[in-house]
Amino acid sequence: MDKNQQCCCHKTKERTDNEYKELIHRLNRIEGQVRGIKRMVEEDAYCTDILVQVSAVNAALNSFNKVLLANHIRTCVADDIRAGKDETVDELVKTLQKLMR
């Protein structure tokens, strides 16, 4: 699904070109890191070397989440609160609880 398509059964968010490019850039880097880990396993790399790379991917994913969450709060959540959609706060709380597991 490209960035302008919308599904009838899910919420969508239109992102600025800059936000979209930044998120995709981060995901492409993470994807490259994961492919590198796969290659390390295929080439019988030493376990601790692989673990270090997995840790780097986890850190990159956490960084991605922080950027996405900050953008979400600044845009979606703030806009919904201004529009009187208080249920968005409950949705945010549930999301944060899932992220903190």
N, C-alpha and C. Protein backbone atom coordinates (compact mmCIF):
# COMPACT_ATOMS: atom_id res chain seq x y z
N MET A 1 0.85 -1.17 0.00
CA MET A 1 0.00 0.00 0.00
C MET A 1 0.89 1.24 0.00
N ASP A 2 0.70 2.15 -0.95
CA ASP A 2 1.53 3.35 -0.94
C ASP A 2 1.01 4.35 0.09
N LYS A 3 1.79 5.40 0.33
CA LYS A 3 1.48 6.31 1.44
C LYS A 3 0.19 7.09 1.26
N ASN A 4 -0.37 7.16 0.06
CA ASN A 4 -1.58 7.93 -0.15
C ASN A 4 -2.84 7.09 -0.17
N GLN A 5 -2.70 5.75 -0.17
CA GLN A 5 -3.86 4.89 -0.14
C GLN A 5 -4.41 4.80 1.27
N GLN A 6 -5.73 4.62 1.37
CA GLN A 6 -6.34 4.47 2.68
C GLN A 6 -7.17 3.21 2.70
N CYS A 7 -7.13 2.53 3.81
CA CYS A 7 -7.93 1.32 4.01
C CYS A 7 -9.22 1.74 4.70
N CYS A 8 -10.31 1.11 4.36
CA CYS A 8 -11.60 1.50 4.91
C CYS A 8 -11.77 1.06 6.36
N CYS A 9 -10.93 0.18 6.87
CA CYS A 9 -11.16 -0.38 8.20
C CYS A 9 -10.15 0.08 9.24
N HIS A 10 -9.18 0.93 8.89
CA HIS A 10 -8.17 1.38 9.84
C HIS A 10 -8.03 2.89 9.77
N LYS A 11 -7.61 3.46 10.88
CA LYS A 11 -7.26 4.88 10.87
C LYS A 11 -6.03 5.06 10.00
N THR A 12 -5.92 6.21 9.39
CA THR A 12 -4.73 6.52 8.61
C THR A 12 -4.21 7.88 9.06
N LYS A 13 -3.00 8.19 8.65
CA LYS A 13 -2.40 9.48 8.98
C LYS A 13 -1.65 9.98 7.77
N GLU A 14 -1.98 11.15 7.34
CA GLU A 14 -1.24 11.77 6.24
C GLU A 14 -0.02 12.46 6.83
N ARG A 15 1.15 12.05 6.38
CA ARG A 15 2.40 12.60 6.91
C ARG A 15 2.97 13.63 5.94
N THR A 16 3.73 14.56 6.49
CA THR A 16 4.43 15.50 5.63
C THR A 16 5.48 14.73 4.85
N ASP A 17 5.93 15.29 3.74
CA ASP A 17 6.97 14.62 2.96
C ASP A 17 8.22 14.40 3.79
N ASN A 18 8.57 15.39 4.62
CA ASN A 18 9.77 15.28 5.45
C ASN A 18 9.62 14.16 6.48
N GLU A 19 8.48 14.09 7.15
CA GLU A 19 8.24 13.04 8.15
C GLU A 19 8.28 11.67 7.47
N TYR A 20 7.61 11.55 6.33
CA TYR A 20 7.58 10.29 5.60
C TYR A 20 8.99 9.85 5.21
N LYS A 21 9.77 10.77 4.64
CA LYS A 21 11.14 10.44 4.21
C LYS A 21 12.01 10.03 5.38
N GLU A 22 11.88 10.73 6.52
CA GLU A 22 12.69 10.39 7.69
C GLU A 22 12.36 9.00 8.21
N LEU A 23 11.07 8.68 8.31
CA LEU A 23 10.66 7.36 8.81
C LEU A 23 11.12 6.25 7.86
N ILE A 24 10.92 6.46 6.57
CA ILE A 24 11.33 5.45 5.60
C ILE A 24 12.85 5.27 5.61
N HIS A 25 13.58 6.36 5.73
CA HIS A 25 15.05 6.29 5.80
C HIS A 25 15.48 5.44 7.00
N ARG A 26 14.88 5.69 8.16
CA ARG A 26 15.21 4.91 9.36
C ARG A 26 14.88 3.44 9.15
N LEU A 27 13.71 3.15 8.58
CA LEU A 27 13.31 1.77 8.36
C LEU A 27 14.23 1.08 7.35
N ASN A 28 14.65 1.78 6.33
CA ASN A 28 15.57 1.19 5.35
C ASN A 28 16.91 0.83 6.01
N ARG A 29 17.38 1.71 6.91
CA ARG A 29 18.63 1.40 7.62
C ARG A 29 18.45 0.18 8.51
N ILE A 30 17.33 0.11 9.21
CA ILE A 30 17.05 -1.04 10.09
C ILE A 30 16.96 -2.32 9.26
N GLU A 31 16.29 -2.24 8.13
CA GLU A 31 16.17 -3.40 7.24
C GLU A 31 17.55 -3.87 6.79
N GLY A 32 18.43 -2.94 6.49
CA GLY A 32 19.79 -3.29 6.10
C GLY A 32 20.54 -3.96 7.25
N GLN A 33 20.33 -3.46 8.46
CA GLN A 33 20.98 -4.06 9.62
C GLN A 33 20.50 -5.50 9.81
N VAL A 34 19.19 -5.72 9.65
CA VAL A 34 18.63 -7.07 9.83
C VAL A 34 19.19 -8.00 8.75
N ARG A 35 19.28 -7.52 7.52
CA ARG A 35 19.89 -8.35 6.47
C ARG A 35 21.34 -8.69 6.81
N GLY A 36 22.04 -7.74 7.40
CA GLY A 36 23.42 -7.99 7.83
C GLY A 36 23.49 -9.07 8.89
N ILE A 37 22.56 -9.05 9.82
CA ILE A 37 22.51 -10.09 10.87
C ILE A 37 22.24 -11.45 10.23
N LYS A 38 21.32 -11.49 9.29
CA LYS A 38 21.01 -12.76 8.61
C LYS A 38 22.27 -13.29 7.92
N ARG A 39 22.98 -12.40 7.26
CA ARG A 39 24.22 -12.79 6.57
C ARG A 39 25.24 -13.32 7.58
N MET A 40 25.32 -12.69 8.75
CA MET A 40 26.25 -13.14 9.79
C MET A 40 25.92 -14.57 10.22
N VAL A 41 24.61 -14.85 10.39
CA VAL A 41 24.20 -16.21 10.78
C VAL A 41 24.55 -17.19 9.67
N GLU A 42 24.26 -16.80 8.43
CA GLU A 42 24.56 -17.69 7.29
C GLU A 42 26.06 -17.96 7.17
N GLU A 43 26.86 -17.00 7.57
CA GLU A 43 28.32 -17.14 7.46
C GLU A 43 28.96 -17.63 8.76
N ASP A 44 28.12 -18.13 9.69
CA ASP A 44 28.60 -18.71 10.94
C ASP A 44 29.42 -17.73 11.79
N ALA A 45 28.98 -16.47 11.84
CA ALA A 45 29.68 -15.48 12.67
C ALA A 45 29.60 -15.88 14.15
N TYR A 46 30.51 -15.38 14.90
CA TYR A 46 30.57 -15.67 16.33
C TYR A 46 29.35 -15.07 17.04
N CYS A 47 28.81 -15.82 18.00
CA CYS A 47 27.55 -15.45 18.67
C CYS A 47 27.56 -14.03 19.22
N THR A 48 28.62 -13.66 19.94
CA THR A 48 28.61 -12.34 20.56
C THR A 48 28.63 -11.22 19.51
N ASP A 49 29.24 -11.46 18.37
CA ASP A 49 29.23 -10.47 17.29
C ASP A 49 27.80 -10.26 16.78
N ILE A 50 27.06 -11.35 16.66
CA ILE A 50 25.67 -11.27 16.23
C ILE A 50 24.83 -10.56 17.30
N LEU A 51 25.05 -10.92 18.55
CA LEU A 51 24.29 -10.29 19.64
C LEU A 51 24.48 -8.78 19.68
N VAL A 52 25.70 -8.33 19.42
CA VAL A 52 25.98 -6.90 19.41
C VAL A 52 25.17 -6.22 18.29
N GLN A 53 25.11 -6.87 17.13
CA GLN A 53 24.35 -6.30 16.02
C GLN A 53 22.85 -6.31 16.29
N VAL A 54 22.36 -7.35 16.94
CA VAL A 54 20.95 -7.41 17.32
C VAL A 54 20.63 -6.28 18.29
N SER A 55 21.53 -6.02 19.21
CA SER A 55 21.35 -4.92 20.15
C SER A 55 21.27 -3.58 19.41
N ALA A 56 22.08 -3.42 18.38
CA ALA A 56 22.06 -2.19 17.58
C ALA A 56 20.72 -2.04 16.86
N VAL A 57 20.16 -3.14 16.36
CA VAL A 57 18.85 -3.09 15.70
C VAL A 57 17.77 -2.72 16.71
N ASN A 58 17.85 -3.32 17.90
CA ASN A 58 16.88 -2.97 18.94
C ASN A 58 16.94 -1.48 19.27
N ALA A 59 18.13 -0.93 19.37
CA ALA A 59 18.29 0.49 19.66
C ALA A 59 17.72 1.34 18.52
N ALA A 60 17.95 0.91 17.29
CA ALA A 60 17.42 1.64 16.14
C ALA A 60 15.89 1.60 16.11
N LEU A 61 15.31 0.45 16.44
CA LEU A 61 13.85 0.34 16.51
C LEU A 61 13.29 1.22 17.63
N ASN A 62 13.96 1.24 18.77
CA ASN A 62 13.51 2.10 19.87
C ASN A 62 13.57 3.56 19.47
N SER A 63 14.61 3.94 18.76
CA SER A 63 14.75 5.31 18.28
C SER A 63 13.63 5.64 17.29
N PHE A 64 13.33 4.71 16.39
CA PHE A 64 12.22 4.88 15.44
C PHE A 64 10.91 5.10 16.20
N ASN A 65 10.67 4.26 17.22
CA ASN A 65 9.45 4.39 18.02
C ASN A 65 9.36 5.76 18.69
N LYS A 66 10.46 6.25 19.21
CA LYS A 66 10.46 7.56 19.88
C LYS A 66 10.08 8.67 18.90
N VAL A 67 10.66 8.63 17.71
CA VAL A 67 10.34 9.65 16.70
C VAL A 67 8.88 9.56 16.30
N LEU A 68 8.40 8.34 16.02
CA LEU A 68 7.02 8.15 15.60
C LEU A 68 6.04 8.56 16.70
N LEU A 69 6.34 8.19 17.94
CA LEU A 69 5.48 8.55 19.06
C LEU A 69 5.43 10.06 19.26
N ALA A 70 6.57 10.71 19.19
CA ALA A 70 6.60 12.17 19.34
C ALA A 70 5.77 12.84 18.24
N ASN A 71 5.93 12.38 17.00
CA ASN A 71 5.13 12.93 15.90
C ASN A 71 3.64 12.68 16.12
N HIS A 72 3.32 11.49 16.60
CA HIS A 72 1.92 11.13 16.86
C HIS A 72 1.30 12.06 17.91
N ILE A 73 2.02 12.29 18.98
CA ILE A 73 1.50 13.16 20.05
C ILE A 73 1.34 14.59 19.55
N ARG A 74 2.34 15.09 18.82
CA ARG A 74 2.30 16.47 18.33
C ARG A 74 1.20 16.70 17.29
N THR A 75 0.84 15.66 16.55
CA THR A 75 -0.13 15.85 15.47
C THR A 75 -1.47 15.19 15.81
N CYS A 76 -1.54 13.89 15.69
CA CYS A 76 -2.81 13.17 15.86
C CYS A 76 -3.46 13.44 17.21
N VAL A 77 -2.69 13.24 18.27
CA VAL A 77 -3.25 13.38 19.62
C VAL A 77 -3.65 14.83 19.88
N ALA A 78 -2.77 15.76 19.58
CA ALA A 78 -3.06 17.17 19.82
C ALA A 78 -4.28 17.62 19.00
N ASP A 79 -4.35 17.23 17.74
CA ASP A 79 -5.49 17.61 16.90
C ASP A 79 -6.79 17.03 17.44
N ASP A 80 -6.77 15.77 17.85
CA ASP A 80 -7.98 15.13 18.37
C ASP A 80 -8.43 15.78 19.67
N ILE A 81 -7.49 16.13 20.54
CA ILE A 81 -7.86 16.78 21.80
C ILE A 81 -8.49 18.14 21.50
N ARG A 82 -7.90 18.90 20.59
CA ARG A 82 -8.48 20.19 20.19
C ARG A 82 -9.89 20.02 19.62
N ALA A 83 -10.12 18.89 18.96
CA ALA A 83 -11.43 18.62 18.36
C ALA A 83 -12.41 18.00 19.36
N GLY A 84 -11.97 17.83 20.61
CA GLY A 84 -12.84 17.28 21.64
C GLY A 84 -12.94 15.77 21.65
N LYS A 85 -12.04 15.09 20.98
CA LYS A 85 -12.05 13.62 20.94
C LYS A 85 -11.19 13.10 22.09
N ASP A 86 -11.76 13.08 23.27
CA ASP A 86 -11.02 12.69 24.47
C ASP A 86 -10.63 11.21 24.47
N GLU A 87 -11.30 10.39 23.68
CA GLU A 87 -10.97 8.96 23.64
C GLU A 87 -9.56 8.73 23.10
N THR A 88 -9.02 9.72 22.42
CA THR A 88 -7.66 9.60 21.91
C THR A 88 -6.65 9.50 23.04
N VAL A 89 -6.92 10.14 24.16
CA VAL A 89 -6.01 10.04 25.31
C VAL A 89 -6.01 8.61 25.83
N ASP A 90 -7.18 7.98 25.90
CA ASP A 90 -7.25 6.58 26.32
C ASP A 90 -6.47 5.68 25.36
N GLU A 91 -6.60 5.95 24.07
CA GLU A 91 -5.86 5.18 23.07
C GLU A 91 -4.36 5.35 23.25
N LEU A 92 -3.92 6.58 23.54
CA LEU A 92 -2.50 6.85 23.76
C LEU A 92 -2.00 6.11 25.00
N VAL A 93 -2.78 6.12 26.06
CA VAL A 93 -2.39 5.41 27.29
C VAL A 93 -2.23 3.92 27.00
N LYS A 94 -3.17 3.33 26.28
CA LYS A 94 -3.07 1.91 25.94
C LYS A 94 -1.83 1.63 25.10
N THR A 95 -1.55 2.51 24.16
CA THR A 95 -0.36 2.35 23.31
C THR A 95 0.90 2.41 24.14
N LEU A 96 0.99 3.39 25.05
CA LEU A 96 2.17 3.53 25.90
C LEU A 96 2.34 2.30 26.80
N GLN A 97 1.24 1.76 27.30
CA GLN A 97 1.33 0.55 28.12
C GLN A 97 1.89 -0.61 27.32
N LYS A 98 1.49 -0.74 26.06
CA LYS A 98 2.03 -1.81 25.21
C LYS A 98 3.51 -1.60 24.93
N LEU A 99 3.91 -0.35 24.74
CA LEU A 99 5.32 -0.06 24.46
C LEU A 99 6.22 -0.30 25.66
N MET A 100 5.65 -0.23 26.86
CA MET A 100 6.45 -0.36 28.08
C MET A 100 6.51 -1.80 28.59
N ARG A 101 5.99 -2.74 27.88
CA ARG A 101 6.04 -4.15 28.33
C ARG A 101 7.44 -4.64 28.37
